[in-house]
Amino acid sequence: MTNPEDRGRTRRPVSGGSPAPCCIVAVPVRNEVARIGACLRALAAQEEIGADGLGIVLFLNNCTDGTAEAVAALVPALRVQVRVIERDFAGAHAGWARREAMEAAALWLEEVAPVVGRLDGTVPDGVILTTDADSRVPPDWVARNLAALAGGADAAAGTITLDEAEAARLPDALHARGRLEGTYEALLVALESLIDPVAHDPWPRHATRSGASLAVRLSAYRAAGGMPALPLGEDRAFAAALLRADARIRHAPDIVVVTSGRLDGRAPGGAADTMRQRCAVPETPCDPRLEPLSRALFRYAWGRRLRRLHGAGRFARTGLWAPWLRVPRAEAHRIAGLPTLGARLAAIEAASPLLACHPLRPRALPRQIRAARLLLAGLRRGARSLRLLGTLRPTRARPALGRASEEAGNA
């Protein structure tokens, strides 16, 4: 929440006829005078949702470059409702600013909740979306997020691409590494989708959880405790909190946002700092998700097994999983008593030394990519064969093709 020692003011200019939007976009802003215009115009140009159905919260924190003045000039011409909040706070950071913006969006939705229920039958409790001030969303961004939620998800995560002009100024080595990491991540996601499929997040999907493109139902936002006010990684921490609450997250590949490719970012430790560090030290470890293939497969296989134990009501029989994952008996009993599957899975990952992440170095990526491609091709062939066998001879048992192929065949 806002520190009592901060200084600021709230302005609520409203365009459009209705004060009851069903979707609110929360945008934290700090010194973005050169980019805020493109961000706002993209948000105001959303298709398939009326001007009265969409609102924007701009949370301007510690702006000193004329951003506030630029926003004041832009807002009257926009066709959507906008609330502008300005704060000066010495302890500000990116996670705090995003939380404040999303809390303001949540409160706005709660003000108009009875009307929202009449406006939008598919998402009756309203939707909070968030993006960054240096990003540009496509005209169908809100519509695609709502479609993902209407499909049964509680939250939707989009993916990002760099601004072409800014990306062209980045070193070739950085692009080459990015292509390798993106290729390997896509292979891991495809393997996970075969080995540990999740009904509400089917393939094709991605693994990005970025504040540049998130949408969440108001009820799920509150159930997860809101956006955590962390100096770094608040978006991933929020996704983790949603999962612990058993919220269903859809990683929709058709939701793509263009974001800045600059090296002089506003958030210490953010994407710009990461790119700059990789330019300076090319062998900086990859993202923690990009672990050796053998460890990733172990993680996916155990994820599937734990989901099945939970579904069968056998999770309390800790001897079925705790010794194999080296989870101490007392901790295993505590974990078995947690109220949600998501909380149990997160606690097991934290407690098991066998599930600790070991990120790769970039030089290891080509070899891991080759191995993952071969395995994925084999699993897909095996899955097709098993489906065909089931069609031709439904009464006969499946041949023993090995654990991995059997897992894929059940996907």
Protein backbone atom coordinates (compact mmCIF):
# COMPACT_ATOMS: atom_id res chain seq x y z
CA MET A 1 0.00 0.00 0.00
CA THR A 2 1.02 3.63 -0.34
CA ASN A 3 3.57 4.79 2.22
CA PRO A 4 2.10 7.52 4.44
CA GLU A 5 5.20 9.63 3.88
CA ASP A 6 4.82 9.83 0.11
CA ARG A 7 3.64 12.95 -1.66
CA GLY A 8 1.24 13.11 -4.56
CA ARG A 9 -2.20 13.75 -5.93
CA THR A 10 -4.89 11.84 -7.75
CA ARG A 11 -6.67 13.16 -10.79
CA ARG A 12 -9.62 11.35 -12.34
CA PRO A 13 -10.29 12.72 -15.81
CA VAL A 14 -12.99 10.66 -17.46
CA SER A 15 -13.88 10.42 -21.14
CA GLY A 16 -16.74 8.35 -22.49
CA GLY A 17 -20.21 8.19 -21.05
CA SER A 18 -20.19 5.50 -18.40
CA PRO A 19 -18.26 5.36 -15.11
CA ALA A 20 -18.53 1.56 -15.03
CA PRO A 21 -15.85 -0.16 -17.13
CA CYS A 22 -15.57 -3.95 -16.88
CA CYS A 23 -11.84 -3.98 -17.72
CA ILE A 24 -9.16 -1.75 -16.18
CA VAL A 25 -5.61 -1.52 -17.51
CA ALA A 26 -3.04 -0.65 -14.82
CA VAL A 27 0.13 1.05 -16.09
CA PRO A 28 3.03 2.03 -13.80
CA VAL A 29 4.89 5.00 -15.26
CA ARG A 30 8.21 6.59 -14.43
CA ASN A 31 9.95 9.09 -16.72
CA GLU A 32 8.47 7.86 -19.99
CA VAL A 33 7.76 11.14 -21.76
CA ALA A 34 9.04 9.77 -25.08
CA ARG A 35 6.95 6.58 -24.99
CA ILE A 36 3.80 7.23 -22.98
CA GLY A 37 1.95 8.68 -25.96
CA ALA A 38 2.34 5.53 -28.06
CA CYS A 39 1.35 3.38 -25.07
CA LEU A 40 -1.82 5.36 -24.36
CA ARG A 41 -2.91 5.63 -27.99
CA ALA A 42 -2.56 1.86 -28.39
CA LEU A 43 -4.66 1.23 -25.29
CA ALA A 44 -7.32 3.70 -26.40
CA ALA A 45 -7.58 2.04 -29.83
CA GLN A 46 -8.77 -1.33 -28.51
CA GLU A 47 -11.29 -3.11 -30.71
CA GLU A 48 -14.29 -5.25 -29.78
CA ILE A 49 -14.82 -3.42 -26.50
CA GLY A 50 -16.75 -0.19 -26.19
CA ALA A 51 -15.19 2.98 -24.83
CA ASP A 52 -17.41 2.67 -21.77
CA GLY A 53 -16.17 -0.86 -21.07
CA LEU A 54 -12.49 0.00 -20.73
CA GLY A 55 -10.65 2.11 -18.18
CA ILE A 56 -6.99 3.00 -17.66
CA VAL A 57 -5.11 3.70 -14.43
CA LEU A 58 -1.85 5.57 -14.93
CA PHE A 59 0.32 5.45 -11.82
CA LEU A 60 2.95 8.15 -12.26
CA ASN A 61 5.69 7.75 -9.67
CA ASN A 62 8.66 10.08 -9.22
CA CYS A 63 8.37 11.51 -12.74
CA THR A 64 10.78 14.38 -13.41
CA ASP A 65 11.01 14.50 -17.22
CA GLY A 66 7.68 16.04 -18.22
CA THR A 67 5.72 12.77 -18.32
CA ALA A 68 2.94 14.21 -16.14
CA GLU A 69 2.53 17.19 -18.44
CA ALA A 70 2.48 14.94 -21.51
CA VAL A 71 -0.21 12.75 -19.93
CA ALA A 72 -2.31 15.79 -19.03
CA ALA A 73 -2.22 16.88 -22.66
CA LEU A 74 -3.02 13.42 -24.03
CA VAL A 75 -5.88 12.26 -21.79
CA PRO A 76 -8.63 14.66 -22.92
CA ALA A 77 -8.39 13.36 -26.48
CA LEU A 78 -8.69 9.70 -25.52
CA ARG A 79 -12.02 7.92 -25.96
CA VAL A 80 -11.63 5.80 -22.82
CA GLN A 81 -11.88 6.59 -19.14
CA VAL A 82 -8.57 7.39 -17.45
CA ARG A 83 -7.58 7.86 -13.83
CA VAL A 84 -4.19 9.45 -13.24
CA ILE A 85 -2.43 9.00 -9.91
CA GLU A 86 0.79 10.87 -9.16
CA ARG A 87 3.15 9.95 -6.33
CA ASP A 88 6.59 11.04 -5.19
CA PHE A 89 8.07 8.42 -2.88
CA ALA A 90 11.74 7.97 -2.05
CA GLY A 91 11.32 4.20 -1.57
CA ALA A 92 9.62 3.61 -4.91
CA HIS A 93 10.53 0.66 -7.13
CA ALA A 94 8.95 -1.17 -10.06
CA GLY A 95 7.04 -3.77 -8.04
CA TRP A 96 5.64 -1.18 -5.65
CA ALA A 97 4.48 0.97 -8.56
CA ARG A 98 2.78 -1.93 -10.33
CA ARG A 99 1.05 -3.02 -7.13
CA GLU A 100 -0.23 0.51 -6.51
CA ALA A 101 -1.52 0.74 -10.08
CA MET A 102 -3.27 -2.64 -9.87
CA GLU A 103 -4.73 -1.92 -6.45
CA ALA A 104 -6.22 1.29 -7.85
CA ALA A 105 -7.65 -0.73 -10.74
CA ALA A 106 -9.12 -3.28 -8.33
CA LEU A 107 -10.74 -0.58 -6.23
CA TRP A 108 -12.24 1.01 -9.34
CA LEU A 109 -13.78 -2.32 -10.37
CA GLU A 110 -15.11 -2.87 -6.87
CA GLU A 111 -16.74 0.58 -6.96
CA VAL A 112 -18.75 -0.39 -10.03
CA ALA A 113 -19.13 -4.16 -9.40
CA PRO A 114 -22.95 -4.25 -9.61
CA VAL A 115 -22.90 -2.56 -13.01
CA VAL A 116 -20.02 -4.67 -14.31
CA GLY A 117 -22.06 -7.79 -13.66
CA ARG A 118 -24.73 -6.50 -16.04
CA LEU A 119 -22.26 -5.33 -18.70
CA ASP A 120 -20.24 -8.51 -19.11
CA GLY A 121 -21.82 -11.87 -18.42
CA THR A 122 -18.70 -13.90 -19.30
CA VAL A 123 -16.40 -12.16 -16.80
CA PRO A 124 -18.81 -11.01 -14.10
CA ASP A 125 -16.25 -9.83 -11.55
CA GLY A 126 -14.31 -7.61 -13.91
CA VAL A 127 -10.76 -7.89 -15.21
CA ILE A 128 -7.51 -6.16 -14.32
CA LEU A 129 -4.91 -5.97 -17.07
CA THR A 130 -1.41 -4.56 -16.81
CA THR A 131 1.26 -3.50 -19.26
CA ASP A 132 4.30 -1.22 -19.22
CA ALA A 133 4.59 2.41 -20.21
CA ASP A 134 7.32 1.54 -22.73
CA SER A 135 5.15 -1.10 -24.42
CA ARG A 136 2.57 -0.99 -27.21
CA VAL A 137 -0.33 -3.42 -27.21
CA PRO A 138 -2.08 -4.52 -30.43
CA PRO A 139 -5.65 -3.36 -31.15
CA ASP A 140 -7.09 -6.75 -30.16
CA TRP A 141 -5.06 -7.09 -26.94
CA VAL A 142 -7.99 -6.70 -24.54
CA ALA A 143 -10.26 -8.85 -26.71
CA ARG A 144 -7.72 -11.69 -26.85
CA ASN A 145 -7.19 -11.56 -23.09
CA LEU A 146 -10.94 -11.69 -22.50
CA ALA A 147 -11.22 -14.63 -24.89
CA ALA A 148 -8.58 -16.51 -22.88
CA LEU A 149 -10.48 -15.84 -19.66
CA ALA A 150 -13.81 -16.76 -21.22
CA GLY A 151 -12.22 -20.10 -22.18
CA GLY A 152 -11.99 -21.02 -18.51
CA ALA A 153 -8.83 -19.31 -17.28
CA ASP A 154 -8.54 -17.06 -14.25
CA ALA A 155 -5.53 -15.21 -15.66
CA ALA A 156 -3.86 -14.78 -19.03
CA ALA A 157 -0.18 -14.21 -19.71
CA GLY A 158 0.94 -12.79 -23.03
CA THR A 159 4.33 -12.88 -24.65
CA ILE A 160 6.56 -10.01 -25.78
CA THR A 161 8.63 -8.97 -28.76
CA LEU A 162 11.17 -6.16 -28.94
CA ASP A 163 10.58 -2.94 -30.82
CA GLU A 164 12.21 -3.50 -34.22
CA ALA A 165 14.05 -0.17 -34.40
CA GLU A 166 15.49 -0.53 -30.90
CA ALA A 167 16.27 -4.23 -31.36
CA ALA A 168 18.27 -3.40 -34.50
CA ARG A 169 20.70 -1.42 -32.36
CA LEU A 170 21.45 -4.35 -30.05
CA PRO A 171 24.59 -6.47 -30.60
CA ASP A 172 24.31 -9.46 -32.92
CA ALA A 173 25.66 -11.73 -30.16
CA LEU A 174 22.73 -10.78 -27.93
CA HIS A 175 20.26 -11.66 -30.68
CA ALA A 176 22.03 -14.98 -31.31
CA ARG A 177 21.81 -15.90 -27.65
CA GLY A 178 18.18 -14.84 -27.53
CA ARG A 179 17.36 -17.12 -30.46
CA LEU A 180 19.03 -20.09 -28.77
CA GLU A 181 17.26 -19.45 -25.47
CA GLY A 182 13.92 -18.99 -27.22
CA THR A 183 14.36 -22.21 -29.19
CA TYR A 184 15.25 -24.25 -26.12
CA GLU A 185 12.45 -22.76 -24.03
CA ALA A 186 9.90 -23.59 -26.75
CA LEU A 187 11.16 -27.19 -26.82
CA LEU A 188 10.89 -27.49 -23.04
CA VAL A 189 7.36 -26.10 -23.08
CA ALA A 190 6.37 -28.59 -25.79
CA LEU A 191 7.85 -31.46 -23.80
CA GLU A 192 6.10 -30.34 -20.63
CA SER A 193 2.81 -30.14 -22.53
CA LEU A 194 3.21 -33.79 -23.54
CA ILE A 195 4.48 -35.15 -20.23
CA ASP A 196 2.47 -33.05 -17.75
CA PRO A 197 -0.48 -31.62 -19.68
CA VAL A 198 -2.79 -29.07 -18.08
CA ALA A 199 -6.33 -28.88 -19.48
CA HIS A 200 -6.77 -25.11 -19.21
CA ASP A 201 -3.34 -24.35 -20.74
CA PRO A 202 -2.95 -26.69 -23.72
CA TRP A 203 -0.31 -26.65 -26.41
CA PRO A 204 0.50 -24.39 -28.18
CA ARG A 205 1.51 -22.14 -25.32
CA HIS A 206 4.55 -20.28 -24.00
CA ALA A 207 6.27 -19.76 -20.65
CA THR A 208 6.47 -15.96 -20.43
CA ARG A 209 5.09 -14.25 -17.33
CA SER A 210 5.80 -10.57 -17.85
CA GLY A 211 4.18 -7.45 -16.47
CA ALA A 212 4.11 -6.18 -20.05
CA SER A 213 1.05 -8.39 -20.65
CA LEU A 214 -0.98 -9.87 -17.81
CA ALA A 215 -4.73 -10.11 -17.28
CA VAL A 216 -6.50 -11.47 -14.21
CA ARG A 217 -10.03 -11.75 -12.93
CA LEU A 218 -10.62 -9.49 -9.95
CA SER A 219 -11.63 -12.45 -7.77
CA ALA A 220 -8.41 -14.32 -8.61
CA TYR A 221 -6.34 -11.19 -7.99
CA ARG A 222 -7.79 -10.85 -4.49
CA ALA A 223 -7.49 -14.58 -3.76
CA ALA A 224 -3.78 -14.46 -4.61
CA GLY A 225 -3.17 -11.49 -2.30
CA GLY A 226 -2.63 -8.95 -5.06
CA MET A 227 0.53 -8.00 -6.87
CA PRO A 228 3.51 -8.38 -4.51
CA ALA A 229 5.48 -5.16 -3.97
CA LEU A 230 8.88 -6.65 -4.80
CA PRO A 231 11.77 -4.57 -6.17
CA LEU A 232 12.35 -7.13 -8.91
CA GLY A 233 10.38 -9.99 -10.46
CA GLU A 234 7.00 -8.94 -9.13
CA ASP A 235 5.26 -10.32 -12.24
CA ARG A 236 6.65 -13.83 -11.83
CA ALA A 237 6.01 -13.75 -8.09
CA PHE A 238 2.39 -12.79 -8.79
CA ALA A 239 1.99 -15.69 -11.22
CA ALA A 240 3.43 -18.01 -8.56
CA ALA A 241 0.92 -16.67 -6.01
CA LEU A 242 -1.91 -17.30 -8.47
CA LEU A 243 -0.74 -20.89 -8.96
CA ARG A 244 -0.50 -21.46 -5.20
CA ALA A 245 -4.15 -20.39 -5.00
CA ASP A 246 -5.02 -22.91 -7.77
CA ALA A 247 -5.83 -20.15 -10.25
CA ARG A 248 -5.81 -21.29 -13.87
CA ILE A 249 -3.27 -19.37 -15.95
CA ARG A 250 -3.46 -19.48 -19.74
CA HIS A 251 -0.17 -18.74 -21.51
CA ALA A 252 -1.79 -17.57 -24.73
CA PRO A 253 0.56 -17.54 -27.74
CA ASP A 254 -1.73 -15.20 -29.70
CA ILE A 255 -1.28 -12.34 -27.19
CA VAL A 256 1.88 -10.46 -28.20
CA VAL A 257 2.99 -7.04 -26.95
CA VAL A 258 5.78 -4.89 -28.41
CA THR A 259 8.13 -3.61 -25.72
CA SER A 260 11.28 -1.52 -25.54
CA GLY A 261 14.65 -2.96 -26.51
CA ARG A 262 16.63 -0.21 -24.81
CA LEU A 263 19.61 -0.75 -22.56
CA ASP A 264 18.84 2.22 -20.30
CA GLY A 265 15.82 0.89 -18.43
CA ARG A 266 13.94 2.49 -15.54
CA ALA A 267 13.90 -0.49 -13.17
CA PRO A 268 17.19 -1.65 -11.62
CA GLY A 269 17.68 -5.34 -12.35
CA GLY A 270 14.99 -5.32 -15.03
CA ALA A 271 15.10 -6.40 -18.68
CA ALA A 272 17.40 -3.57 -19.75
CA ASP A 273 19.92 -4.35 -17.02
CA THR A 274 19.77 -8.04 -17.95
CA MET A 275 20.52 -7.29 -21.61
CA ARG A 276 23.32 -4.92 -20.69
CA GLN A 277 24.89 -7.51 -18.39
CA ARG A 278 24.71 -10.15 -21.10
CA CYS A 279 26.46 -7.81 -23.49
CA ALA A 280 29.24 -7.28 -20.95
CA VAL A 281 29.44 -10.93 -19.77
CA PRO A 282 28.28 -13.27 -22.58
CA GLU A 283 28.39 -16.39 -20.37
CA THR A 284 25.96 -15.01 -17.80
CA PRO A 285 23.69 -17.95 -16.78
CA CYS A 286 20.42 -18.39 -18.61
CA ASP A 287 17.01 -17.92 -17.05
CA PRO A 288 16.44 -20.48 -14.24
CA ARG A 289 13.75 -22.21 -16.31
CA LEU A 290 16.37 -23.17 -18.89
CA GLU A 291 17.83 -26.13 -17.03
CA PRO A 292 19.47 -29.30 -18.36
CA LEU A 293 17.08 -31.53 -20.26
CA SER A 294 17.42 -34.44 -17.82
CA ARG A 295 16.45 -32.24 -14.87
CA ALA A 296 13.54 -30.71 -16.77
CA LEU A 297 12.18 -34.15 -17.66
CA PHE A 298 12.47 -35.25 -14.03
CA ARG A 299 10.51 -32.13 -12.98
CA TYR A 300 7.75 -32.70 -15.56
CA ALA A 301 7.37 -36.40 -14.75
CA TRP A 302 7.04 -35.70 -11.04
CA GLY A 303 4.61 -32.87 -11.71
CA ARG A 304 2.38 -35.31 -13.53
CA ARG A 305 2.68 -37.92 -10.78
CA LEU A 306 1.88 -35.43 -8.02
CA ARG A 307 -1.18 -34.15 -9.88
CA ARG A 308 -2.44 -37.72 -10.22
CA LEU A 309 -1.89 -38.45 -6.54
CA HIS A 310 -3.81 -35.29 -5.66
CA GLY A 311 -6.65 -36.15 -8.03
CA ALA A 312 -6.91 -39.64 -6.58
CA GLY A 313 -6.98 -38.35 -3.01
CA ARG A 314 -3.70 -40.11 -2.19
CA PHE A 315 -1.49 -37.11 -1.55
CA ALA A 316 -1.58 -37.66 2.22
CA ARG A 317 0.22 -40.97 1.69
CA THR A 318 3.54 -39.15 1.75
CA GLY A 319 5.54 -42.34 1.38
CA LEU A 320 4.48 -42.36 -2.27
CA TRP A 321 6.43 -39.19 -3.04
CA ALA A 322 8.39 -37.69 -0.15
CA PRO A 323 11.28 -40.20 0.09
CA TRP A 324 11.80 -40.18 -3.67
CA LEU A 325 12.12 -36.39 -3.66
CA ARG A 326 14.16 -36.32 -0.43
CA VAL A 327 11.58 -34.27 1.42
CA PRO A 328 11.87 -34.73 5.20
CA ARG A 329 8.97 -36.59 6.81
CA ALA A 330 7.79 -33.70 9.01
CA GLU A 331 7.86 -31.27 6.07
CA ALA A 332 6.03 -33.77 3.89
CA HIS A 333 3.20 -34.04 6.43
CA ARG A 334 2.99 -30.25 6.61
CA ILE A 335 2.84 -30.04 2.82
CA ALA A 336 0.13 -32.70 2.63
CA GLY A 337 -2.02 -30.52 4.89
CA LEU A 338 -1.86 -27.45 2.63
CA PRO A 339 -5.25 -26.45 1.20
CA THR A 340 -4.52 -26.35 -2.56
CA LEU A 341 -2.64 -28.42 -5.10
CA GLY A 342 -0.74 -25.32 -6.20
CA ALA A 343 0.47 -24.65 -2.68
CA ARG A 344 1.55 -28.26 -2.31
CA LEU A 345 3.49 -28.27 -5.58
CA ALA A 346 5.25 -25.01 -4.72
CA ALA A 347 6.18 -26.28 -1.26
CA ILE A 348 7.54 -29.54 -2.63
CA GLU A 349 9.66 -27.70 -5.17
CA ALA A 350 11.07 -25.53 -2.39
CA ALA A 351 11.73 -28.51 -0.09
CA SER A 352 13.20 -31.03 -2.52
CA PRO A 353 16.90 -30.73 -3.40
CA LEU A 354 16.16 -32.76 -6.52
CA LEU A 355 13.83 -30.03 -7.84
CA ALA A 356 16.23 -27.13 -7.31
CA CYS A 357 16.88 -25.17 -10.52
CA HIS A 358 20.29 -25.40 -12.16
CA PRO A 359 20.28 -22.91 -15.06
CA LEU A 360 22.42 -23.58 -18.09
CA ARG A 361 25.33 -21.57 -19.41
CA PRO A 362 24.78 -20.31 -22.97
CA ARG A 363 27.51 -22.55 -24.40
CA ALA A 364 25.47 -25.61 -23.36
CA LEU A 365 22.36 -24.59 -25.29
CA PRO A 366 23.17 -26.07 -28.75
CA ARG A 367 23.73 -29.57 -27.32
CA GLN A 368 20.60 -29.39 -25.16
CA ILE A 369 18.56 -28.18 -28.13
CA ARG A 370 19.67 -31.13 -30.26
CA ALA A 371 18.77 -33.61 -27.53
CA ALA A 372 15.40 -31.98 -26.85
CA ARG A 373 14.49 -32.00 -30.54
CA LEU A 374 15.25 -35.69 -30.86
CA LEU A 375 13.27 -36.55 -27.73
CA LEU A 376 10.29 -34.41 -28.70
CA ALA A 377 10.14 -35.99 -32.17
CA GLY A 378 10.24 -39.46 -30.61
CA LEU A 379 7.54 -38.65 -28.07
CA ARG A 380 5.27 -37.23 -30.74
CA ARG A 381 5.73 -40.29 -32.94
CA GLY A 382 5.04 -42.49 -29.94
CA ALA A 383 1.92 -40.53 -29.04
CA ARG A 384 0.60 -40.83 -32.60
CA SER A 385 1.33 -44.55 -32.62
CA LEU A 386 -0.47 -45.08 -29.33
CA ARG A 387 -3.50 -43.13 -30.52
CA LEU A 388 -3.60 -45.20 -33.70
CA LEU A 389 -3.20 -48.44 -31.76
CA GLY A 390 -6.05 -47.43 -29.47
CA THR A 391 -8.25 -46.82 -32.52
CA LEU A 392 -7.43 -50.12 -34.20
CA ARG A 393 -7.29 -52.42 -31.18
CA PRO A 394 -9.12 -50.76 -28.29
CA THR A 395 -9.30 -53.88 -26.13
CA ARG A 396 -5.63 -54.74 -26.15
CA ALA A 397 -3.05 -53.43 -23.69
CA ARG A 398 -0.53 -50.87 -24.86
CA PRO A 399 2.96 -52.11 -25.70
CA ALA A 400 5.69 -51.16 -23.24
CA LEU A 401 7.39 -48.25 -24.98
CA GLY A 402 9.13 -46.90 -21.88
CA ARG A 403 8.03 -44.48 -19.20
CA ALA A 404 8.48 -41.28 -21.21
CA SER A 405 6.55 -42.58 -24.22
CA GLU A 406 3.74 -43.85 -22.01
CA GLU A 407 3.51 -40.47 -20.34
CA ALA A 408 3.32 -38.75 -23.73
CA GLY A 409 0.69 -41.17 -24.94
CA ASN A 410 -1.55 -40.19 -22.04
CA ALA A 411 -1.19 -36.49 -22.78
